């Protein structure tokens, strides 16, 4: 962990937006899912929500460019489950959906806690999810095609969300809770140890926030070996 790498990790965490997210509604192409994750990382989102396609969820790592390491992805069995979770968090829901009540995406207020719902490549946002959305938003089209690829639409919408939040000063101070900041700092600084702990259901060992290194890596590993020797 170089000082420059640690500084970049901290700078990124300091601008993460915990109350802005994306929810994909049965988006099934791995390349699209991974491109969406990449956009979430690029525009400062801390979380992304996914409703499993019938084939299951699997981000295509080459397209994601490692972004799946930097965005916490929450999967849900159904759209109702996902919407219920986000409602409990106080999120306003914007469905990217062409309809009679749709507004220009630039007219939506992205400075409030909110989630952008993106539909799948064939059917768009499901009818039930569209009914539950607070607003429908569209990207005005001036060509012959009626819509953009879902991942391209995501990037355009998040560009506007980022612009509004920058103007409101929402990137000027850390917005993650202390617990979430410290959890992510560990995960990002120590990905190998994180995987080791997750696989064995072990608590994460403490790290030095000034260096990103384990405070007592040798002592921690000795304790782990003792625990595993005496289950």
C-alpha atoms as a PDB file:
ATOM      1  CA  UNK A   1       0.000   0.000   0.000  1.00  0.00           C
ATOM      2  CA  UNK A   2       1.765   3.148  -1.209  1.00  0.00           C
ATOM      3  CA  UNK A   3       0.932   6.553   0.297  1.00  0.00           C
ATOM      4  CA  UNK A   4      -0.412   7.643  -3.093  1.00  0.00           C
ATOM      5  CA  UNK A   5      -2.735   4.634  -3.326  1.00  0.00           C
ATOM      6  CA  UNK A   6      -4.029   5.166   0.208  1.00  0.00           C
ATOM      7  CA  UNK A   7      -4.620   8.863  -0.483  1.00  0.00           C
ATOM      8  CA  UNK A   8      -6.652   8.010  -3.581  1.00  0.00           C
ATOM      9  CA  UNK A   9      -8.732   5.463  -1.661  1.00  0.00           C
ATOM     10  CA  UNK A  10      -9.503   8.010   1.049  1.00  0.00           C
ATOM     11  CA  UNK A  11     -10.310  10.726  -1.475  1.00  0.00           C
ATOM     12  CA  UNK A  12     -12.749   8.385  -3.232  1.00  0.00           C
ATOM     13  CA  UNK A  13     -14.409   7.365   0.036  1.00  0.00           C
ATOM     14  CA  UNK A  14     -14.739  11.009   1.036  1.00  0.00           C
ATOM     15  CA  UNK A  15     -16.850  11.727  -2.062  1.00  0.00           C
ATOM     16  CA  UNK A  16     -18.997   8.581  -2.074  1.00  0.00           C
ATOM     17  CA  UNK A  17     -22.747   9.274  -2.114  1.00  0.00           C
ATOM     18  CA  UNK A  18     -24.565   6.782   0.147  1.00  0.00           C
ATOM     19  CA  UNK A  19     -28.054   8.087  -0.724  1.00  0.00           C
ATOM     20  CA  UNK A  20     -27.819   7.944  -4.521  1.00  0.00           C
ATOM     21  CA  UNK A  21     -28.129   4.546  -6.172  1.00  0.00           C
ATOM     22  CA  UNK A  22     -29.174   2.609  -9.246  1.00  0.00           C
ATOM     23  CA  UNK A  23     -31.615  -0.314  -9.329  1.00  0.00           C
ATOM     24  CA  UNK A  24     -31.579  -2.627 -12.344  1.00  0.00           C
ATOM     25  CA  UNK A  25     -34.829  -4.397 -13.164  1.00  0.00           C
ATOM     26  CA  UNK A  26     -33.885  -7.787 -14.660  1.00  0.00           C
ATOM     27  CA  UNK A  27     -31.053  -6.384 -16.797  1.00  0.00           C
ATOM     28  CA  UNK A  28     -29.600  -9.649 -18.020  1.00  0.00           C
ATOM     29  CA  UNK A  29     -26.627  -8.925 -20.291  1.00  0.00           C
ATOM     30  CA  UNK A  30     -23.416  -9.184 -18.250  1.00  0.00           C
ATOM     31  CA  UNK A  31     -21.706  -6.462 -20.285  1.00  0.00           C
ATOM     32  CA  UNK A  32     -24.535  -4.018 -19.577  1.00  0.00           C
ATOM     33  CA  UNK A  33     -24.551  -4.816 -15.863  1.00  0.00           C
ATOM     34  CA  UNK A  34     -20.814  -4.365 -15.667  1.00  0.00           C
ATOM     35  CA  UNK A  35     -20.879  -1.092 -17.592  1.00  0.00           C
ATOM     36  CA  UNK A  36     -23.539   0.174 -15.171  1.00  0.00           C
ATOM     37  CA  UNK A  37     -21.343  -0.769 -12.199  1.00  0.00           C
ATOM     38  CA  UNK A  38     -18.465   1.094 -13.861  1.00  0.00           C
ATOM     39  CA  UNK A  39     -20.633   4.214 -14.201  1.00  0.00           C
ATOM     40  CA  UNK A  40     -21.742   3.959 -10.576  1.00  0.00           C
ATOM     41  CA  UNK A  41     -18.117   3.982  -9.489  1.00  0.00           C
ATOM     42  CA  UNK A  42     -17.174   6.812 -11.843  1.00  0.00           C
ATOM     43  CA  UNK A  43     -19.960   9.105 -10.636  1.00  0.00           C
ATOM     44  CA  UNK A  44     -19.435   8.488  -6.931  1.00  0.00           C
ATOM     45  CA  UNK A  45     -22.192   6.026  -6.000  1.00  0.00           C
ATOM     46  CA  UNK A  46     -21.546   3.837  -2.985  1.00  0.00           C
ATOM     47  CA  UNK A  47     -24.295   1.292  -3.734  1.00  0.00           C
ATOM     48  CA  UNK A  48     -26.039  -0.413  -6.613  1.00  0.00           C
ATOM     49  CA  UNK A  49     -29.132  -2.628  -6.370  1.00  0.00           C
ATOM     50  CA  UNK A  50     -29.864  -5.530  -8.690  1.00  0.00           C
ATOM     51  CA  UNK A  51     -32.978  -7.645  -9.130  1.00  0.00           C
ATOM     52  CA  UNK A  52     -31.789 -11.004 -10.334  1.00  0.00           C
ATOM     53  CA  UNK A  53     -32.460 -11.938 -13.923  1.00  0.00           C
ATOM     54  CA  UNK A  54     -33.756 -15.468 -14.305  1.00  0.00           C
ATOM     55  CA  UNK A  55     -30.232 -16.543 -15.259  1.00  0.00           C
ATOM     56  CA  UNK A  56     -28.815 -15.055 -12.039  1.00  0.00           C
ATOM     57  CA  UNK A  57     -26.485 -12.122 -11.421  1.00  0.00           C
ATOM     58  CA  UNK A  58     -22.951 -12.185 -12.808  1.00  0.00           C
ATOM     59  CA  UNK A  59     -21.106  -8.996 -13.613  1.00  0.00           C
ATOM     60  CA  UNK A  60     -18.771  -9.270 -16.578  1.00  0.00           C
ATOM     61  CA  UNK A  61     -15.465  -8.338 -14.963  1.00  0.00           C
ATOM     62  CA  UNK A  62     -13.626  -7.244 -18.110  1.00  0.00           C
ATOM     63  CA  UNK A  63     -16.217  -4.559 -18.862  1.00  0.00           C
ATOM     64  CA  UNK A  64     -16.480  -3.540 -15.207  1.00  0.00           C
ATOM     65  CA  UNK A  65     -12.751  -2.843 -15.183  1.00  0.00           C
ATOM     66  CA  UNK A  66     -12.504  -3.797 -11.504  1.00  0.00           C
ATOM     67  CA  UNK A  67     -15.369  -1.463 -10.531  1.00  0.00           C
ATOM     68  CA  UNK A  68     -17.204  -4.317  -8.795  1.00  0.00           C
ATOM     69  CA  UNK A  69     -14.546  -3.959  -6.079  1.00  0.00           C
ATOM     70  CA  UNK A  70     -15.496  -0.346  -5.422  1.00  0.00           C
ATOM     71  CA  UNK A  71     -19.315  -0.381  -5.525  1.00  0.00           C
ATOM     72  CA  UNK A  72     -21.326  -2.385  -2.995  1.00  0.00           C
ATOM     73  CA  UNK A  73     -23.850  -4.442  -4.974  1.00  0.00           C
ATOM     74  CA  UNK A  74     -27.065  -5.524  -3.248  1.00  0.00           C
ATOM     75  CA  UNK A  75     -29.090  -8.254  -4.940  1.00  0.00           C
ATOM     76  CA  UNK A  76     -32.828  -8.802  -4.462  1.00  0.00           C
ATOM     77  CA  UNK A  77     -35.146 -11.596  -5.495  1.00  0.00           C
ATOM     78  CA  UNK A  78     -37.953  -9.317  -6.693  1.00  0.00           C
ATOM     79  CA  UNK A  79     -38.562  -5.674  -7.539  1.00  0.00           C
ATOM     80  CA  UNK A  80     -41.000  -5.456  -4.628  1.00  0.00           C
ATOM     81  CA  UNK A  81     -38.226  -6.508  -2.261  1.00  0.00           C
ATOM     82  CA  UNK A  82     -35.830  -3.961  -3.719  1.00  0.00           C
ATOM     83  CA  UNK A  83     -38.358  -1.131  -3.693  1.00  0.00           C
ATOM     84  CA  UNK A  84     -39.370  -1.906  -0.125  1.00  0.00           C
ATOM     85  CA  UNK A  85     -35.708  -1.757   0.963  1.00  0.00           C
ATOM     86  CA  UNK A  86     -35.151   1.571  -0.773  1.00  0.00           C
ATOM     87  CA  UNK A  87     -38.398   3.077   0.528  1.00  0.00           C
ATOM     88  CA  UNK A  88     -37.328   2.243   4.065  1.00  0.00           C
ATOM     89  CA  UNK A  89     -34.132   4.177   3.377  1.00  0.00           C
ATOM     90  CA  UNK A  90     -36.205   7.197   2.348  1.00  0.00           C
ATOM     91  CA  UNK A  91     -35.357   7.045  -1.342  1.00  0.00           C
ATOM     92  CA  UNK A  92     -37.352   8.723  -4.075  1.00  0.00           C
ATOM     93  CA  UNK A  93     -37.645   6.425  -7.100  1.00  0.00           C
ATOM     94  CA  UNK A  94     -37.013   7.664 -10.637  1.00  0.00           C
ATOM     95  CA  UNK A  95     -37.861   5.118 -13.330  1.00  0.00           C
ATOM     96  CA  UNK A  96     -36.169   5.605 -16.701  1.00  0.00           C
ATOM     97  CA  UNK A  97     -39.390   5.042 -18.582  1.00  0.00           C
ATOM     98  CA  UNK A  98     -41.080   6.584 -21.605  1.00  0.00           C
ATOM     99  CA  UNK A  99     -44.672   7.374 -20.581  1.00  0.00           C
ATOM    100  CA  UNK A 100     -47.288  10.119 -20.587  1.00  0.00           C
ATOM    101  CA  UNK A 101     -46.106  11.339 -17.200  1.00  0.00           C
ATOM    102  CA  UNK A 102     -42.378  11.232 -17.973  1.00  0.00           C
ATOM    103  CA  UNK A 103     -40.282  14.359 -17.426  1.00  0.00           C
ATOM    104  CA  UNK A 104     -36.931  15.387 -18.847  1.00  0.00           C
ATOM    105  CA  UNK A 105     -34.312  13.715 -16.636  1.00  0.00           C
ATOM    106  CA  UNK A 106     -32.682  17.102 -16.047  1.00  0.00           C
ATOM    107  CA  UNK A 107     -35.866  18.291 -14.295  1.00  0.00           C
ATOM    108  CA  UNK A 108     -35.625  15.578 -11.623  1.00  0.00           C
ATOM    109  CA  UNK A 109     -34.125  16.491  -8.252  1.00  0.00           C
ATOM    110  CA  UNK A 110     -31.128  14.220  -7.682  1.00  0.00           C
ATOM    111  CA  UNK A 111     -29.999  16.014  -4.527  1.00  0.00           C
ATOM    112  CA  UNK A 112     -32.592  14.161  -2.441  1.00  0.00           C
ATOM    113  CA  UNK A 113     -32.045  10.509  -1.436  1.00  0.00           C
ATOM    114  CA  UNK A 114     -33.001   8.734  -4.652  1.00  0.00           C
ATOM    115  CA  UNK A 115     -32.606   5.709  -6.865  1.00  0.00           C
ATOM    116  CA  UNK A 116     -32.705   5.466 -10.656  1.00  0.00           C
ATOM    117  CA  UNK A 117     -34.571   2.375 -11.879  1.00  0.00           C
ATOM    118  CA  UNK A 118     -33.285   0.955 -15.163  1.00  0.00           C
ATOM    119  CA  UNK A 119     -35.246  -1.648 -17.102  1.00  0.00           C
ATOM    120  CA  UNK A 120     -33.979  -4.639 -19.004  1.00  0.00           C
ATOM    121  CA  UNK A 121     -32.895  -4.656 -22.623  1.00  0.00           C
ATOM    122  CA  UNK A 122     -36.147  -6.077 -24.024  1.00  0.00           C
ATOM    123  CA  UNK A 123     -39.076  -5.015 -21.845  1.00  0.00           C
ATOM    124  CA  UNK A 124     -37.776  -1.933 -20.046  1.00  0.00           C
ATOM    125  CA  UNK A 125     -38.928  -1.216 -16.500  1.00  0.00           C
ATOM    126  CA  UNK A 126     -41.598  -3.689 -15.392  1.00  0.00           C
ATOM    127  CA  UNK A 127     -45.147  -2.359 -15.199  1.00  0.00           C
ATOM    128  CA  UNK A 128     -45.415  -2.832 -11.439  1.00  0.00           C
ATOM    129  CA  UNK A 129     -42.121  -1.064 -10.767  1.00  0.00           C
ATOM    130  CA  UNK A 130     -43.137   1.766 -13.095  1.00  0.00           C
ATOM    131  CA  UNK A 131     -46.396   2.167 -11.169  1.00  0.00           C
ATOM    132  CA  UNK A 132     -44.491   2.393  -7.872  1.00  0.00           C
ATOM    133  CA  UNK A 133     -41.984   4.969  -9.116  1.00  0.00           C
ATOM    134  CA  UNK A 134     -42.381   8.558  -7.911  1.00  0.00           C
ATOM    135  CA  UNK A 135     -41.392   9.950 -11.295  1.00  0.00           C
ATOM    136  CA  UNK A 136     -40.715   8.700 -14.795  1.00  0.00           C
ATOM    137  CA  UNK A 137     -37.706  10.292 -16.464  1.00  0.00           C
ATOM    138  CA  UNK A 138     -36.580  10.286 -20.085  1.00  0.00           C
ATOM    139  CA  UNK A 139     -33.541  11.394 -22.042  1.00  0.00           C
ATOM    140  CA  UNK A 140     -34.801  13.531 -24.965  1.00  0.00           C
ATOM    141  CA  UNK A 141     -33.952  11.856 -28.269  1.00  0.00           C
ATOM    142  CA  UNK A 142     -33.432  13.871 -31.468  1.00  0.00           C
ATOM    143  CA  UNK A 143     -32.587  11.058 -33.866  1.00  0.00           C
ATOM    144  CA  UNK A 144     -34.396   8.133 -35.440  1.00  0.00           C
ATOM    145  CA  UNK A 145     -33.961   5.663 -32.591  1.00  0.00           C
ATOM    146  CA  UNK A 146     -36.329   5.816 -29.629  1.00  0.00           C
ATOM    147  CA  UNK A 147     -33.969   4.818 -26.829  1.00  0.00           C
ATOM    148  CA  UNK A 148     -30.372   4.351 -25.781  1.00  0.00           C
ATOM    149  CA  UNK A 149     -28.599   1.252 -24.550  1.00  0.00           C
ATOM    150  CA  UNK A 150     -29.379   0.848 -20.851  1.00  0.00           C
ATOM    151  CA  UNK A 151     -25.774   1.343 -19.762  1.00  0.00           C
ATOM    152  CA  UNK A 152     -25.418   4.489 -21.897  1.00  0.00           C
ATOM    153  CA  UNK A 153     -28.652   5.872 -20.436  1.00  0.00           C
ATOM    154  CA  UNK A 154     -27.345   5.154 -16.933  1.00  0.00           C
ATOM    155  CA  UNK A 155     -24.159   7.135 -17.552  1.00  0.00           C
ATOM    156  CA  UNK A 156     -26.046  10.119 -18.962  1.00  0.00           C
ATOM    157  CA  UNK A 157     -28.497  10.244 -16.060  1.00  0.00           C
ATOM    158  CA  UNK A 158     -25.729   9.904 -13.476  1.00  0.00           C
ATOM    159  CA  UNK A 159     -23.831  12.746 -15.147  1.00  0.00           C
ATOM    160  CA  UNK A 160     -26.767  15.010 -14.321  1.00  0.00           C
ATOM    161  CA  UNK A 161     -27.057  13.618 -10.804  1.00  0.00           C
ATOM    162  CA  UNK A 162     -23.375  14.320 -10.230  1.00  0.00           C
ATOM    163  CA  UNK A 163     -23.714  17.859 -11.641  1.00  0.00           C
ATOM    164  CA  UNK A 164     -26.616  18.695  -9.327  1.00  0.00           C
ATOM    165  CA  UNK A 165     -24.867  17.280  -6.279  1.00  0.00           C
ATOM    166  CA  UNK A 166     -21.648  19.109  -7.044  1.00  0.00           C
ATOM    167  CA  UNK A 167     -23.536  22.397  -7.272  1.00  0.00           C
ATOM    168  CA  UNK A 168     -25.182  21.608  -3.933  1.00  0.00           C
ATOM    169  CA  UNK A 169     -21.784  20.963  -2.319  1.00  0.00           C
ATOM    170  CA  UNK A 170     -22.569  17.326  -1.627  1.00  0.00           C
ATOM    171  CA  UNK A 171     -19.090  16.163  -2.648  1.00  0.00           C
ATOM    172  CA  UNK A 172     -17.331  18.678  -0.400  1.00  0.00           C
ATOM    173  CA  UNK A 173     -17.455  16.638   2.797  1.00  0.00           C
ATOM    174  CA  UNK A 174     -17.574  12.960   3.708  1.00  0.00           C
ATOM    175  CA  UNK A 175     -21.125  11.601   3.713  1.00  0.00           C
ATOM    176  CA  UNK A 176     -20.495   7.947   4.568  1.00  0.00           C
ATOM    177  CA  UNK A 177     -21.138   6.977   8.187  1.00  0.00           C
ATOM    178  CA  UNK A 178     -18.046   6.252  10.282  1.00  0.00           C
ATOM    179  CA  UNK A 179     -18.862   2.535  10.383  1.00  0.00           C
ATOM    180  CA  UNK A 180     -19.318   2.286   6.615  1.00  0.00           C
ATOM    181  CA  UNK A 181     -16.230   4.403   5.937  1.00  0.00           C
ATOM    182  CA  UNK A 182     -14.068   2.192   8.159  1.00  0.00           C
ATOM    183  CA  UNK A 183     -15.542  -1.013   6.691  1.00  0.00           C
ATOM    184  CA  UNK A 184     -14.839   0.093   3.136  1.00  0.00           C
ATOM    185  CA  UNK A 185     -11.403   1.424   4.041  1.00  0.00           C
ATOM    186  CA  UNK A 186     -10.488  -2.035   5.289  1.00  0.00           C
ATOM    187  CA  UNK A 187     -12.034  -3.807   2.290  1.00  0.00           C
ATOM    188  CA  UNK A 188     -10.301  -1.566  -0.228  1.00  0.00           C
ATOM    189  CA  UNK A 189      -6.926  -1.551   1.510  1.00  0.00           C
ATOM    190  CA  UNK A 190      -6.871  -5.268   2.333  1.00  0.00           C
ATOM    191  CA  UNK A 191      -8.864  -7.126  -0.369  1.00  0.00           C
ATOM    192  CA  UNK A 192      -7.003 -10.433   0.131  1.00  0.00           C
ATOM    193  CA  UNK A 193      -7.535 -10.421   3.901  1.00  0.00           C
ATOM    194  CA  UNK A 194     -11.167  -9.415   3.317  1.00  0.00           C
ATOM    195  CA  UNK A 195     -11.763 -12.456   1.103  1.00  0.00           C
ATOM    196  CA  UNK A 196     -10.017 -14.703   3.624  1.00  0.00           C
ATOM    197  CA  UNK A 197     -12.239 -13.410   6.441  1.00  0.00           C
ATOM    198  CA  UNK A 198     -15.437 -13.547   4.377  1.00  0.00           C
ATOM    199  CA  UNK A 199     -14.786 -17.143   3.297  1.00  0.00           C
ATOM    200  CA  UNK A 200     -14.263 -18.218   6.909  1.00  0.00           C
ATOM    201  CA  UNK A 201     -16.805 -15.880   8.493  1.00  0.00           C
ATOM    202  CA  UNK A 202     -14.122 -14.154  10.557  1.00  0.00           C
ATOM    203  CA  UNK A 203     -14.299 -10.578  11.861  1.00  0.00           C
ATOM    204  CA  UNK A 204     -12.026  -8.135  10.074  1.00  0.00           C
ATOM    205  CA  UNK A 205      -8.784  -7.352  11.923  1.00  0.00           C
ATOM    206  CA  UNK A 206      -7.995  -3.706  12.729  1.00  0.00           C
ATOM    207  CA  UNK A 207      -5.902  -1.654  10.328  1.00  0.00           C
ATOM    208  CA  UNK A 208      -3.909   1.518  10.811  1.00  0.00           C
ATOM    209  CA  UNK A 209      -5.874   4.238   8.962  1.00  0.00           C
ATOM    210  CA  UNK A 210      -2.645   6.176   8.424  1.00  0.00           C
ATOM    211  CA  UNK A 211      -0.992   3.375   6.465  1.00  0.00           C
ATOM    212  CA  UNK A 212      -3.798   1.011   5.411  1.00  0.00           C
ATOM    213  CA  UNK A 213      -1.816  -1.912   6.840  1.00  0.00           C
ATOM    214  CA  UNK A 214      -2.858  -4.445   9.502  1.00  0.00           C
ATOM    215  CA  UNK A 215      -1.911  -3.243  12.967  1.00  0.00           C
ATOM    216  CA  UNK A 216      -0.636  -6.683  13.996  1.00  0.00           C
ATOM    217  CA  UNK A 217      -0.905  -9.026  11.049  1.00  0.00           C
ATOM    218  CA  UNK A 218       1.338 -11.723  12.516  1.00  0.00           C
ATOM    219  CA  UNK A 219      -0.456 -11.719  15.859  1.00  0.00           C
ATOM    220  CA  UNK A 220      -3.858 -11.807  14.146  1.00  0.00           C
ATOM    221  CA  UNK A 221      -2.894 -14.777  11.985  1.00  0.00           C
ATOM    222  CA  UNK A 222      -1.600 -16.653  15.034  1.00  0.00           C
ATOM    223  CA  UNK A 223      -4.954 -16.114  16.763  1.00  0.00           C
ATOM    224  CA  UNK A 224      -6.798 -17.308  13.666  1.00  0.00           C
ATOM    225  CA  UNK A 225      -4.729 -20.495  13.591  1.00  0.00           C
ATOM    226  CA  UNK A 226      -5.496 -21.128  17.246  1.00  0.00           C
ATOM    227  CA  UNK A 227      -9.218 -20.693  16.626  1.00  0.00           C
ATOM    228  CA  UNK A 228      -9.176 -23.004  13.619  1.00  0.00           C
ATOM    229  CA  UNK A 229      -7.180 -25.619  15.552  1.00  0.00           C
ATOM    230  CA  UNK A 230      -9.739 -25.560  18.380  1.00  0.00           C
ATOM    231  CA  UNK A 231     -13.169 -25.111  16.735  1.00  0.00           C
END
